[in-house]
All heavy atoms as atom14 arrays in JSON, in Angstrom:
{
  "sequence": "QPANQTVCTGATATFSVVTTGNFQTYQWQISTNGGTTWTNIANANGS",
  "atom14_mask": [
    [1, 1, 1, 1, 1, 1, 1, 1, 1, 0, 0, 0, 0, 0],
    [1, 1, 1, 1, 1, 1, 1, 0, 0, 0, 0, 0, 0, 0],
    [1, 1, 1, 1, 1, 0, 0, 0, 0, 0, 0, 0, 0, 0],
    [1, 1, 1, 1, 1, 1, 1, 1, 0, 0, 0, 0, 0, 0],
    [1, 1, 1, 1, 1, 1, 1, 1, 1, 0, 0, 0, 0, 0],
    [1, 1, 1, 1, 1, 1, 1, 0, 0, 0, 0, 0, 0, 0],
    [1, 1, 1, 1, 1, 1, 1, 0, 0, 0, 0, 0, 0, 0],
    [1, 1, 1, 1, 1, 1, 0, 0, 0, 0, 0, 0, 0, 0],
    [1, 1, 1, 1, 1, 1, 1, 0, 0, 0, 0, 0, 0, 0],
    [1, 1, 1, 1, 0, 0, 0, 0, 0, 0, 0, 0, 0, 0],
    [1, 1, 1, 1, 1, 0, 0, 0, 0, 0, 0, 0, 0, 0],
    [1, 1, 1, 1, 1, 1, 1, 0, 0, 0, 0, 0, 0, 0],
    [1, 1, 1, 1, 1, 0, 0, 0, 0, 0, 0, 0, 0, 0],
    [1, 1, 1, 1, 1, 1, 1, 0, 0, 0, 0, 0, 0, 0],
    [1, 1, 1, 1, 1, 1, 1, 1, 1, 1, 1, 0, 0, 0],
    [1, 1, 1, 1, 1, 1, 0, 0, 0, 0, 0, 0, 0, 0],
    [1, 1, 1, 1, 1, 1, 1, 0, 0, 0, 0, 0, 0, 0],
    [1, 1, 1, 1, 1, 1, 1, 0, 0, 0, 0, 0, 0, 0],
    [1, 1, 1, 1, 1, 1, 1, 0, 0, 0, 0, 0, 0, 0],
    [1, 1, 1, 1, 1, 1, 1, 0, 0, 0, 0, 0, 0, 0],
    [1, 1, 1, 1, 0, 0, 0, 0, 0, 0, 0, 0, 0, 0],
    [1, 1, 1, 1, 1, 1, 1, 1, 0, 0, 0, 0, 0, 0],
    [1, 1, 1, 1, 1, 1, 1, 1, 1, 1, 1, 0, 0, 0],
    [1, 1, 1, 1, 1, 1, 1, 1, 1, 0, 0, 0, 0, 0],
    [1, 1, 1, 1, 1, 1, 1, 0, 0, 0, 0, 0, 0, 0],
    [1, 1, 1, 1, 1, 1, 1, 1, 1, 1, 1, 1, 0, 0],
    [1, 1, 1, 1, 1, 1, 1, 1, 1, 0, 0, 0, 0, 0],
    [1, 1, 1, 1, 1, 1, 1, 1, 1, 1, 1, 1, 1, 1],
    [1, 1, 1, 1, 1, 1, 1, 1, 1, 0, 0, 0, 0, 0],
    [1, 1, 1, 1, 1, 1, 1, 1, 0, 0, 0, 0, 0, 0],
    [1, 1, 1, 1, 1, 1, 0, 0, 0, 0, 0, 0, 0, 0],
    [1, 1, 1, 1, 1, 1, 1, 0, 0, 0, 0, 0, 0, 0],
    [1, 1, 1, 1, 1, 1, 1, 1, 0, 0, 0, 0, 0, 0],
    [1, 1, 1, 1, 0, 0, 0, 0, 0, 0, 0, 0, 0, 0],
    [1, 1, 1, 1, 0, 0, 0, 0, 0, 0, 0, 0, 0, 0],
    [1, 1, 1, 1, 1, 1, 1, 0, 0, 0, 0, 0, 0, 0],
    [1, 1, 1, 1, 1, 1, 1, 0, 0, 0, 0, 0, 0, 0],
    [1, 1, 1, 1, 1, 1, 1, 1, 1, 1, 1, 1, 1, 1],
    [1, 1, 1, 1, 1, 1, 1, 0, 0, 0, 0, 0, 0, 0],
    [1, 1, 1, 1, 1, 1, 1, 1, 0, 0, 0, 0, 0, 0],
    [1, 1, 1, 1, 1, 1, 1, 1, 0, 0, 0, 0, 0, 0],
    [1, 1, 1, 1, 1, 0, 0, 0, 0, 0, 0, 0, 0, 0],
    [1, 1, 1, 1, 1, 1, 1, 1, 0, 0, 0, 0, 0, 0],
    [1, 1, 1, 1, 1, 0, 0, 0, 0, 0, 0, 0, 0, 0],
    [1, 1, 1, 1, 1, 1, 1, 1, 0, 0, 0, 0, 0, 0],
    [1, 1, 1, 1, 0, 0, 0, 0, 0, 0, 0, 0, 0, 0],
    [1, 1, 1, 1, 1, 1, 0, 0, 0, 0, 0, 0, 0, 0]
  ],
  "atom14_positions": [
    [[0.89, -1.18, 0.04], [0.01, 0.02, 0.02], [0.88, 1.25, 0.03], [2.02, 1.27, 0.4], [-0.93, 0.01, 1.25], [-1.97, -1.13, 1.27], [-3.21, -0.85, 0.44], [-3.21, 0.28, -0.15], [-4.11, -1.8, 0.39], [0.0, 0.0, 0.0], [0.0, 0.0, 0.0], [0.0, 0.0, 0.0], [0.0, 0.0, 0.0], [0.0, 0.0, 0.0]],
    [[0.34, 2.47, -0.49], [1.14, 3.69, -0.37], [1.26, 3.97, 1.12], [0.43, 3.79, 1.88], [0.11, 4.66, -1.0], [-0.68, 3.92, -1.88], [-0.92, 2.61, -1.28], [0.0, 0.0, 0.0], [0.0, 0.0, 0.0], [0.0, 0.0, 0.0], [0.0, 0.0, 0.0], [0.0, 0.0, 0.0], [0.0, 0.0, 0.0], [0.0, 0.0, 0.0]],
    [[2.63, 4.49, 1.36], [2.93, 4.73, 2.69], [2.81, 6.29, 2.96], [2.97, 7.01, 2.09], [4.28, 4.21, 3.02], [0.0, 0.0, 0.0], [0.0, 0.0, 0.0], [0.0, 0.0, 0.0], [0.0, 0.0, 0.0], [0.0, 0.0, 0.0], [0.0, 0.0, 0.0], [0.0, 0.0, 0.0], [0.0, 0.0, 0.0], [0.0, 0.0, 0.0]],
    [[2.65, 6.61, 4.25], [2.68, 8.0, 4.66], [4.06, 8.66, 4.4], [5.09, 7.99, 4.56], [2.44, 8.17, 6.21], [0.91, 7.79, 6.5], [0.18, 7.71, 5.75], [0.69, 7.38, 7.7], [0.0, 0.0, 0.0], [0.0, 0.0, 0.0], [0.0, 0.0, 0.0], [0.0, 0.0, 0.0], [0.0, 0.0, 0.0], [0.0, 0.0, 0.0]],
    [[4.05, 9.86, 3.99], [5.27, 10.58, 3.75], [5.53, 11.83, 4.59], [4.51, 12.6, 4.67], [5.4, 10.95, 2.3], [5.35, 9.75, 1.21], [6.47, 8.89, 1.34], [7.65, 9.38, 1.14], [6.31, 7.57, 1.48], [0.0, 0.0, 0.0], [0.0, 0.0, 0.0], [0.0, 0.0, 0.0], [0.0, 0.0, 0.0], [0.0, 0.0, 0.0]],
    [[6.66, 12.01, 5.1], [7.05, 13.13, 5.86], [8.25, 13.72, 5.2], [9.3, 13.01, 5.15], [7.39, 12.87, 7.38], [6.12, 12.2, 7.94], [7.77, 14.19, 8.0], [0.0, 0.0, 0.0], [0.0, 0.0, 0.0], [0.0, 0.0, 0.0], [0.0, 0.0, 0.0], [0.0, 0.0, 0.0], [0.0, 0.0, 0.0], [0.0, 0.0, 0.0]],
    [[8.08, 14.96, 4.7], [9.16, 15.53, 3.98], [9.23, 17.06, 4.46], [8.36, 17.58, 5.16], [9.06, 15.56, 2.43], [8.99, 14.21, 1.88], [7.71, 16.22, 2.04], [0.0, 0.0, 0.0], [0.0, 0.0, 0.0], [0.0, 0.0, 0.0], [0.0, 0.0, 0.0], [0.0, 0.0, 0.0], [0.0, 0.0, 0.0], [0.0, 0.0, 0.0]],
    [[10.27, 17.81, 3.89], [10.41, 19.17, 4.27], [9.98, 20.07, 3.1], [9.86, 19.62, 1.9], [11.86, 19.41, 4.57], [12.6, 18.56, 5.92], [0.0, 0.0, 0.0], [0.0, 0.0, 0.0], [0.0, 0.0, 0.0], [0.0, 0.0, 0.0], [0.0, 0.0, 0.0], [0.0, 0.0, 0.0], [0.0, 0.0, 0.0], [0.0, 0.0, 0.0]],
    [[9.65, 21.31, 3.43], [9.16, 22.32, 2.41], [10.19, 22.41, 1.31], [11.36, 22.46, 1.53], [9.09, 23.69, 3.09], [8.11, 23.54, 4.2], [8.49, 24.66, 2.11], [0.0, 0.0, 0.0], [0.0, 0.0, 0.0], [0.0, 0.0, 0.0], [0.0, 0.0, 0.0], [0.0, 0.0, 0.0], [0.0, 0.0, 0.0], [0.0, 0.0, 0.0]],
    [[9.64, 22.35, 0.07], [10.4, 22.37, -1.03], [11.07, 21.0, -1.51], [11.69, 20.97, -2.72], [0.0, 0.0, 0.0], [0.0, 0.0, 0.0], [0.0, 0.0, 0.0], [0.0, 0.0, 0.0], [0.0, 0.0, 0.0], [0.0, 0.0, 0.0], [0.0, 0.0, 0.0], [0.0, 0.0, 0.0], [0.0, 0.0, 0.0], [0.0, 0.0, 0.0]],
    [[10.77, 19.99, -0.81], [11.42, 18.75, -1.21], [10.39, 18.05, -2.17], [9.27, 18.59, -2.54], [11.6, 17.86, 0.02], [0.0, 0.0, 0.0], [0.0, 0.0, 0.0], [0.0, 0.0, 0.0], [0.0, 0.0, 0.0], [0.0, 0.0, 0.0], [0.0, 0.0, 0.0], [0.0, 0.0, 0.0], [0.0, 0.0, 0.0], [0.0, 0.0, 0.0]],
    [[10.64, 16.76, -2.58], [9.79, 16.02, -3.37], [9.28, 14.78, -2.64], [10.05, 14.11, -2.0], [10.57, 15.45, -4.65], [10.99, 16.53, -5.42], [9.72, 14.53, -5.44], [0.0, 0.0, 0.0], [0.0, 0.0, 0.0], [0.0, 0.0, 0.0], [0.0, 0.0, 0.0], [0.0, 0.0, 0.0], [0.0, 0.0, 0.0], [0.0, 0.0, 0.0]],
    [[7.95, 14.64, -2.75], [7.21, 13.56, -1.86], [6.81, 12.57, -3.07], [6.19, 12.92, -4.0], [6.05, 14.03, -1.15], [0.0, 0.0, 0.0], [0.0, 0.0, 0.0], [0.0, 0.0, 0.0], [0.0, 0.0, 0.0], [0.0, 0.0, 0.0], [0.0, 0.0, 0.0], [0.0, 0.0, 0.0], [0.0, 0.0, 0.0], [0.0, 0.0, 0.0]],
    [[7.02, 11.29, -2.77], [6.68, 10.2, -3.72], [5.87, 9.15, -2.93], [6.19, 8.57, -1.96], [7.96, 9.54, -4.29], [8.65, 10.67, -5.01], [7.45, 8.41, -5.32], [0.0, 0.0, 0.0], [0.0, 0.0, 0.0], [0.0, 0.0, 0.0], [0.0, 0.0, 0.0], [0.0, 0.0, 0.0], [0.0, 0.0, 0.0], [0.0, 0.0, 0.0]],
    [[4.65, 8.89, -3.66], [3.77, 7.88, -3.19], [3.84, 6.78, -4.11], [3.55, 7.02, -5.33], [2.35, 8.28, -2.96], [2.18, 9.42, -1.78], [2.36, 10.73, -2.1], [2.04, 8.97, -0.44], [2.21, 11.68, -1.07], [1.91, 10.0, 0.54], [2.06, 11.22, 0.25], [0.0, 0.0, 0.0], [0.0, 0.0, 0.0], [0.0, 0.0, 0.0]],
    [[3.89, 5.43, -3.61], [4.01, 4.33, -4.63], [3.09, 3.2, -4.14], [2.81, 3.07, -2.97], [5.42, 3.87, -4.76], [6.26, 4.77, -5.39], [0.0, 0.0, 0.0], [0.0, 0.0, 0.0], [0.0, 0.0, 0.0], [0.0, 0.0, 0.0], [0.0, 0.0, 0.0], [0.0, 0.0, 0.0], [0.0, 0.0, 0.0], [0.0, 0.0, 0.0]],
    [[2.63, 2.38, -5.1], [1.87, 1.22, -4.94], [2.49, 0.11, -5.64], [3.05, 0.22, -6.69], [0.39, 1.41, -5.32], [0.3, 1.66, -6.81], [-0.43, 0.25, -4.79], [0.0, 0.0, 0.0], [0.0, 0.0, 0.0], [0.0, 0.0, 0.0], [0.0, 0.0, 0.0], [0.0, 0.0, 0.0], [0.0, 0.0, 0.0], [0.0, 0.0, 0.0]],
    [[2.47, -1.14, -4.98], [2.89, -2.32, -5.67], [1.85, -3.32, -5.76], [1.09, -3.59, -4.88], [4.13, -3.02, -4.85], [4.66, -4.24, -5.6], [5.14, -1.92, -4.74], [0.0, 0.0, 0.0], [0.0, 0.0, 0.0], [0.0, 0.0, 0.0], [0.0, 0.0, 0.0], [0.0, 0.0, 0.0], [0.0, 0.0, 0.0], [0.0, 0.0, 0.0]],
    [[1.55, -3.93, -7.0], [0.43, -4.79, -7.28], [0.93, -5.97, -7.94], [1.97, -6.11, -8.58], [-0.58, -4.1, -8.05], [-0.07, -3.82, -9.36], [-1.05, -2.81, -7.39], [0.0, 0.0, 0.0], [0.0, 0.0, 0.0], [0.0, 0.0, 0.0], [0.0, 0.0, 0.0], [0.0, 0.0, 0.0], [0.0, 0.0, 0.0], [0.0, 0.0, 0.0]],
    [[0.1, -7.0, -7.97], [-0.01, -8.21, -8.89], [-0.94, -7.97, -9.91], [-2.0, -7.29, -9.58], [-0.03, -9.56, -8.24], [-1.2, -9.6, -7.6], [1.21, -9.76, -7.28], [0.0, 0.0, 0.0], [0.0, 0.0, 0.0], [0.0, 0.0, 0.0], [0.0, 0.0, 0.0], [0.0, 0.0, 0.0], [0.0, 0.0, 0.0], [0.0, 0.0, 0.0]],
    [[-1.04, -8.67, -11.05], [-2.0, -8.5, -12.08], [-1.31, -7.87, -13.28], [-0.2, -7.58, -13.34], [0.0, 0.0, 0.0], [0.0, 0.0, 0.0], [0.0, 0.0, 0.0], [0.0, 0.0, 0.0], [0.0, 0.0, 0.0], [0.0, 0.0, 0.0], [0.0, 0.0, 0.0], [0.0, 0.0, 0.0], [0.0, 0.0, 0.0], [0.0, 0.0, 0.0]],
    [[-2.25, -7.54, -14.4], [-1.64, -7.07, -15.69], [-2.64, -6.18, -16.34], [-3.84, -6.12, -15.87], [-1.16, -8.3, -16.53], [-2.18, -9.24, -16.83], [-3.35, -9.19, -16.3], [-1.88, -10.19, -17.57], [0.0, 0.0, 0.0], [0.0, 0.0, 0.0], [0.0, 0.0, 0.0], [0.0, 0.0, 0.0], [0.0, 0.0, 0.0], [0.0, 0.0, 0.0]],
    [[-2.12, -5.61, -17.32], [-2.95, -4.6, -18.12], [-3.69, -3.65, -17.19], [-4.94, -3.49, -17.36], [-3.89, -5.37, -18.95], [-3.15, -6.42, -19.84], [-3.21, -7.8, -19.58], [-2.5, -6.02, -21.03], [-2.62, -8.68, -20.47], [-1.85, -6.94, -21.89], [-1.98, -8.32, -21.5], [0.0, 0.0, 0.0], [0.0, 0.0, 0.0], [0.0, 0.0, 0.0]],
    [[-3.02, -3.01, -16.33], [-3.57, -2.13, -15.29], [-3.52, -0.64, -15.77], [-2.7, -0.23, -16.54], [-2.83, -2.28, -13.98], [-2.92, -3.69, -13.52], [-1.88, -3.8, -12.32], [-1.09, -2.92, -12.0], [-1.77, -5.01, -11.75], [0.0, 0.0, 0.0], [0.0, 0.0, 0.0], [0.0, 0.0, 0.0], [0.0, 0.0, 0.0], [0.0, 0.0, 0.0]],
    [[-4.61, 0.02, -15.31], [-4.6, 1.5, -15.4], [-4.66, 2.08, -14.02], [-5.16, 1.37, -13.15], [-5.87, 2.11, -16.16], [-7.01, 1.69, -15.59], [-5.79, 1.53, -17.68], [0.0, 0.0, 0.0], [0.0, 0.0, 0.0], [0.0, 0.0, 0.0], [0.0, 0.0, 0.0], [0.0, 0.0, 0.0], [0.0, 0.0, 0.0], [0.0, 0.0, 0.0]],
    [[-3.98, 3.18, -13.93], [-3.87, 3.79, -12.55], [-4.53, 5.19, -12.66], [-4.43, 5.97, -13.57], [-2.39, 4.03, -12.05], [-1.62, 2.67, -12.03], [-1.06, 2.14, -13.06], [-1.59, 2.1, -10.72], [-0.39, 1.01, -13.08], [-0.8, 0.79, -10.65], [-0.15, 0.26, -11.91], [0.54, -0.82, -11.69], [0.0, 0.0, 0.0], [0.0, 0.0, 0.0]],
    [[-5.21, 5.63, -11.49], [-5.7, 7.01, -11.28], [-5.52, 7.28, -9.85], [-6.14, 6.83, -8.94], [-7.11, 7.13, -11.73], [-7.67, 8.48, -11.52], [-6.96, 9.56, -12.31], [-6.93, 9.59, -13.49], [-6.37, 10.43, -11.64], [0.0, 0.0, 0.0], [0.0, 0.0, 0.0], [0.0, 0.0, 0.0], [0.0, 0.0, 0.0], [0.0, 0.0, 0.0]],
    [[-4.53, 8.32, -9.65], [-4.31, 8.89, -8.27], [-5.42, 9.84, -7.96], [-5.8, 10.71, -8.8], [-3.02, 9.35, -8.08], [-1.91, 8.26, -8.06], [-1.28, 7.71, -9.22], [-1.3, 7.72, -6.95], [-0.33, 6.77, -8.69], [-0.43, 6.67, -7.27], [-1.68, 7.82, -5.52], [0.35, 5.87, -6.46], [-0.89, 6.94, -4.71], [0.06, 6.04, -5.11]],
    [[-5.72, 10.0, -6.72], [-6.72, 10.97, -6.18], [-6.13, 11.63, -4.89], [-5.3, 11.17, -4.23], [-8.01, 10.29, -5.87], [-8.75, 9.61, -7.09], [-10.0, 8.88, -6.66], [-10.14, 8.36, -5.56], [-11.01, 9.14, -7.51], [0.0, 0.0, 0.0], [0.0, 0.0, 0.0], [0.0, 0.0, 0.0], [0.0, 0.0, 0.0], [0.0, 0.0, 0.0]],
    [[-6.57, 12.8, -4.66], [-6.32, 13.63, -3.49], [-7.51, 13.88, -2.8], [-8.63, 14.12, -3.2], [-5.65, 14.9, -3.96], [-5.19, 15.75, -2.76], [-6.52, 15.71, -4.81], [-4.39, 17.04, -3.08], [0.0, 0.0, 0.0], [0.0, 0.0, 0.0], [0.0, 0.0, 0.0], [0.0, 0.0, 0.0], [0.0, 0.0, 0.0], [0.0, 0.0, 0.0]],
    [[-7.39, 13.94, -1.32], [-8.38, 14.36, -0.54], [-7.82, 15.41, 0.44], [-6.73, 15.28, 1.07], [-8.97, 13.19, 0.37], [-9.82, 13.76, 1.4], [0.0, 0.0, 0.0], [0.0, 0.0, 0.0], [0.0, 0.0, 0.0], [0.0, 0.0, 0.0], [0.0, 0.0, 0.0], [0.0, 0.0, 0.0], [0.0, 0.0, 0.0], [0.0, 0.0, 0.0]],
    [[-8.41, 16.6, 0.5], [-8.02, 17.78, 1.45], [-8.82, 17.79, 2.53], [-8.68, 18.77, 3.37], [-8.03, 19.02, 0.55], [-9.4, 19.31, 0.07], [-7.08, 18.91, -0.63], [0.0, 0.0, 0.0], [0.0, 0.0, 0.0], [0.0, 0.0, 0.0], [0.0, 0.0, 0.0], [0.0, 0.0, 0.0], [0.0, 0.0, 0.0], [0.0, 0.0, 0.0]],
    [[-9.74, 16.89, 2.76], [-10.71, 17.07, 4.02], [-10.61, 15.73, 4.76], [-11.69, 15.28, 5.32], [-12.09, 17.37, 3.61], [-12.6, 16.32, 2.47], [-12.08, 15.34, 2.25], [-13.8, 16.79, 1.89], [0.0, 0.0, 0.0], [0.0, 0.0, 0.0], [0.0, 0.0, 0.0], [0.0, 0.0, 0.0], [0.0, 0.0, 0.0], [0.0, 0.0, 0.0]],
    [[-9.49, 15.19, 4.94], [-9.37, 13.9, 5.77], [-9.86, 12.73, 5.23], [-10.12, 11.68, 5.98], [0.0, 0.0, 0.0], [0.0, 0.0, 0.0], [0.0, 0.0, 0.0], [0.0, 0.0, 0.0], [0.0, 0.0, 0.0], [0.0, 0.0, 0.0], [0.0, 0.0, 0.0], [0.0, 0.0, 0.0], [0.0, 0.0, 0.0], [0.0, 0.0, 0.0]],
    [[-10.15, 12.54, 3.85], [-10.66, 11.37, 3.28], [-12.08, 11.36, 3.01], [-12.63, 10.4, 2.62], [0.0, 0.0, 0.0], [0.0, 0.0, 0.0], [0.0, 0.0, 0.0], [0.0, 0.0, 0.0], [0.0, 0.0, 0.0], [0.0, 0.0, 0.0], [0.0, 0.0, 0.0], [0.0, 0.0, 0.0], [0.0, 0.0, 0.0], [0.0, 0.0, 0.0]],
    [[-12.82, 12.42, 3.2], [-14.25, 12.52, 3.08], [-14.5, 12.46, 1.59], [-15.52, 11.74, 1.2], [-14.85, 13.79, 3.76], [-14.57, 13.75, 5.15], [-16.4, 13.79, 3.6], [0.0, 0.0, 0.0], [0.0, 0.0, 0.0], [0.0, 0.0, 0.0], [0.0, 0.0, 0.0], [0.0, 0.0, 0.0], [0.0, 0.0, 0.0], [0.0, 0.0, 0.0]],
    [[-13.95, 13.42, 0.82], [-14.1, 13.29, -0.62], [-12.77, 13.22, -1.26], [-11.8, 13.6, -0.78], [-14.92, 14.59, -1.09], [-14.1, 15.76, -0.57], [-16.24, 14.75, -0.49], [0.0, 0.0, 0.0], [0.0, 0.0, 0.0], [0.0, 0.0, 0.0], [0.0, 0.0, 0.0], [0.0, 0.0, 0.0], [0.0, 0.0, 0.0], [0.0, 0.0, 0.0]],
    [[-12.91, 12.69, -2.54], [-11.6, 12.52, -3.33], [-11.73, 13.08, -4.64], [-12.85, 13.07, -5.23], [-11.34, 11.03, -3.39], [-10.98, 10.37, -2.11], [-11.87, 9.88, -1.2], [-9.69, 10.3, -1.48], [-11.22, 9.41, -0.09], [-9.88, 9.74, -0.27], [-8.43, 10.48, -1.94], [-8.83, 9.3, 0.54], [-7.31, 10.21, -1.1], [-7.5, 9.56, 0.16]],
    [[-10.72, 13.58, -5.22], [-10.72, 14.21, -6.58], [-9.54, 13.66, -7.34], [-8.45, 13.42, -6.82], [-10.57, 15.67, -6.49], [-11.43, 16.19, -5.6], [-10.61, 16.4, -7.8], [0.0, 0.0, 0.0], [0.0, 0.0, 0.0], [0.0, 0.0, 0.0], [0.0, 0.0, 0.0], [0.0, 0.0, 0.0], [0.0, 0.0, 0.0], [0.0, 0.0, 0.0]],
    [[-9.85, 13.27, -8.65], [-8.72, 12.74, -9.57], [-7.7, 13.86, -9.7], [-7.9, 15.0, -9.92], [-9.27, 12.36, -10.95], [-10.16, 11.16, -10.86], [-10.16, 10.28, -9.84], [-10.91, 10.87, -11.93], [0.0, 0.0, 0.0], [0.0, 0.0, 0.0], [0.0, 0.0, 0.0], [0.0, 0.0, 0.0], [0.0, 0.0, 0.0], [0.0, 0.0, 0.0]],
    [[-6.41, 13.36, -9.79], [-5.27, 14.3, -10.12], [-5.01, 14.1, -11.63], [-4.73, 12.89, -12.08], [-4.08, 13.91, -9.23], [-4.44, 13.98, -7.77], [-2.96, 14.78, -9.57], [-3.36, 13.49, -6.87], [0.0, 0.0, 0.0], [0.0, 0.0, 0.0], [0.0, 0.0, 0.0], [0.0, 0.0, 0.0], [0.0, 0.0, 0.0], [0.0, 0.0, 0.0]],
    [[-4.93, 15.17, -12.37], [-4.72, 15.14, -13.72], [-3.33, 14.55, -14.05], [-2.41, 14.84, -13.42], [-4.86, 16.48, -14.41], [0.0, 0.0, 0.0], [0.0, 0.0, 0.0], [0.0, 0.0, 0.0], [0.0, 0.0, 0.0], [0.0, 0.0, 0.0], [0.0, 0.0, 0.0], [0.0, 0.0, 0.0], [0.0, 0.0, 0.0], [0.0, 0.0, 0.0]],
    [[-3.28, 13.59, -14.98], [-2.06, 13.01, -15.53], [-1.33, 12.19, -14.41], [-0.04, 11.86, -14.63], [-1.15, 14.09, -16.06], [-1.77, 14.89, -17.34], [-2.4, 14.23, -18.07], [-1.51, 16.2, -17.23], [0.0, 0.0, 0.0], [0.0, 0.0, 0.0], [0.0, 0.0, 0.0], [0.0, 0.0, 0.0], [0.0, 0.0, 0.0], [0.0, 0.0, 0.0]],
    [[-1.94, 11.89, -13.55], [-1.26, 10.93, -12.41], [-1.78, 9.61, -12.63], [-2.73, 9.13, -12.0], [-1.64, 11.42, -11.02], [0.0, 0.0, 0.0], [0.0, 0.0, 0.0], [0.0, 0.0, 0.0], [0.0, 0.0, 0.0], [0.0, 0.0, 0.0], [0.0, 0.0, 0.0], [0.0, 0.0, 0.0], [0.0, 0.0, 0.0], [0.0, 0.0, 0.0]],
    [[-1.18, 8.82, -13.66], [-1.59, 7.55, -14.02], [-0.51, 6.53, -14.14], [-0.49, 5.62, -15.0], [-2.26, 7.66, -15.48], [-3.18, 8.89, -15.58], [-2.88, 9.92, -16.31], [-4.29, 8.69, -14.97], [0.0, 0.0, 0.0], [0.0, 0.0, 0.0], [0.0, 0.0, 0.0], [0.0, 0.0, 0.0], [0.0, 0.0, 0.0], [0.0, 0.0, 0.0]],
    [[0.38, 6.54, -13.16], [1.39, 5.56, -12.94], [1.3, 4.96, -11.66], [0.53, 5.12, -10.75], [0.0, 0.0, 0.0], [0.0, 0.0, 0.0], [0.0, 0.0, 0.0], [0.0, 0.0, 0.0], [0.0, 0.0, 0.0], [0.0, 0.0, 0.0], [0.0, 0.0, 0.0], [0.0, 0.0, 0.0], [0.0, 0.0, 0.0], [0.0, 0.0, 0.0]],
    [[2.21, 3.9, -11.37], [2.27, 3.29, -10.17], [2.71, 4.06, -9.01], [2.7, 3.82, -7.8], [3.11, 1.89, -10.31], [4.4, 2.22, -10.57], [0.0, 0.0, 0.0], [0.0, 0.0, 0.0], [0.0, 0.0, 0.0], [0.0, 0.0, 0.0], [0.0, 0.0, 0.0], [0.0, 0.0, 0.0], [0.0, 0.0, 0.0], [0.0, 0.0, 0.0]]
  ]
}
């Protein structure tokens, strides 16, 4: 599963997922209200 990230201002944060299966498509989402609602992130379509 994606792990929590703690970084400093100006740094790069990376979230990753590892799966089994094939012919997969990915769509990352963001929640700014503690997970109540989620919104697709444009062009965020990798693992």
